[in-house]
Amino acid sequence: MCLGIPGKIIEIYERDGLRMGKIDFGGVVREACLAYVPEAQVGDYTIIHVGFALNVIDEAEAQQTLALLDEIGALDEELGEGDA
């Protein structure tokens, strides 16, 4: 299964001409491309799919989605339990 997962942007930087960010998924931090969401800022929540931020969402929506994904056990599958 491949899902878009909400995460919080904790850092923004540029790499090889692309806007990139470190995204926190409740303690698991991954890198993602932020080129598709130029309006995104540190502290915003965004939906990440296969390493790309697709859109910015509010914190309430992000938390609700994370709770539902956790309930069905999809977070461990998508984030790789134990990976960092």
Protein backbone atom coordinates (compact mmCIF):
# COMPACT_ATOMS: atom_id res chain seq x y z
CA MET A 1 0.00 0.00 0.00
CA CYS A 2 1.26 3.48 -0.73
CA LEU A 3 -0.33 6.38 1.13
CA GLY A 4 0.12 10.11 1.50
CA ILE A 5 1.13 10.62 5.14
CA PRO A 6 0.84 13.92 7.04
CA GLY A 7 4.05 15.22 8.56
CA LYS A 8 5.33 18.43 10.15
CA ILE A 9 8.04 20.41 8.40
CA ILE A 10 10.90 20.92 10.86
CA GLU A 11 13.56 22.25 8.49
CA ILE A 12 13.69 23.70 4.97
CA TYR A 13 16.81 23.89 2.81
CA GLU A 14 17.93 23.71 -0.81
CA ARG A 15 19.73 20.76 -2.38
CA ASP A 16 20.82 20.67 -6.02
CA GLY A 17 18.43 23.51 -6.84
CA LEU A 18 15.41 21.83 -5.22
CA ARG A 19 13.53 23.03 -2.16
CA MET A 20 13.80 20.21 0.37
CA GLY A 21 12.70 19.67 3.95
CA LYS A 22 13.01 17.43 6.95
CA ILE A 23 9.58 16.12 7.86
CA ASP A 24 8.63 14.76 11.29
CA PHE A 25 6.08 11.94 11.27
CA GLY A 26 5.57 11.73 15.04
CA GLY A 27 9.21 11.00 15.86
CA VAL A 28 10.30 9.48 12.54
CA VAL A 29 12.11 12.11 10.46
CA ARG A 30 12.41 11.78 6.69
CA GLU A 31 13.54 14.03 3.87
CA ALA A 32 11.04 15.21 1.25
CA CYS A 33 10.99 17.48 -1.77
CA LEU A 34 8.98 20.67 -1.15
CA ALA A 35 9.06 21.97 -4.74
CA TYR A 36 5.30 21.43 -5.19
CA VAL A 37 4.42 23.47 -2.07
CA PRO A 38 6.41 26.72 -2.35
CA GLU A 39 4.12 28.33 0.25
CA ALA A 40 5.07 25.76 2.93
CA GLN A 41 7.01 26.99 5.96
CA VAL A 42 8.67 25.41 8.97
CA GLY A 43 5.90 24.32 11.36
CA ASP A 44 3.37 23.59 8.60
CA TYR A 45 1.89 20.14 8.07
CA THR A 46 2.00 18.64 4.62
CA ILE A 47 0.95 15.41 2.93
CA ILE A 48 4.01 13.43 1.80
CA HIS A 49 3.75 10.78 -0.91
CA VAL A 50 6.83 8.89 -2.16
CA GLY A 51 9.15 11.65 -0.95
CA PHE A 52 7.20 14.62 -2.31
CA ALA A 53 5.06 17.12 -0.41
CA LEU A 54 1.75 17.38 -2.25
CA ASN A 55 -0.16 20.00 -0.28
CA VAL A 56 -0.23 21.90 3.01
CA ILE A 57 -2.92 20.97 5.54
CA ASP A 58 -3.87 22.32 8.95
CA GLU A 59 -2.69 20.66 12.15
CA ALA A 60 -6.16 19.39 13.14
CA GLU A 61 -6.58 17.58 9.82
CA ALA A 62 -3.06 16.16 10.09
CA GLN A 63 -3.65 14.83 13.61
CA GLN A 64 -7.00 13.31 12.66
CA THR A 65 -5.47 11.56 9.64
CA LEU A 66 -2.50 10.28 11.67
CA ALA A 67 -4.87 8.88 14.31
CA LEU A 68 -6.90 7.05 11.67
CA LEU A 69 -3.79 5.64 9.98
CA ASP A 70 -2.45 4.51 13.35
CA GLU A 71 -5.78 2.85 14.12
CA ILE A 72 -5.65 0.74 10.97
CA GLY A 73 -1.94 0.01 11.41
CA ALA A 74 -0.90 1.75 8.20
CA LEU A 75 1.73 4.04 9.75
CA ASP A 76 4.19 1.29 10.62
CA GLU A 77 3.83 -0.17 7.15
CA GLU A 78 4.39 3.15 5.37
CA LEU A 79 7.16 4.53 7.59
CA GLY A 80 8.95 1.25 8.15
CA GLU A 81 8.93 0.45 11.84
CA GLY A 82 12.43 0.94 13.22
CA ASP A 83 13.73 2.81 10.16
CA ALA A 84 15.19 6.25 10.64
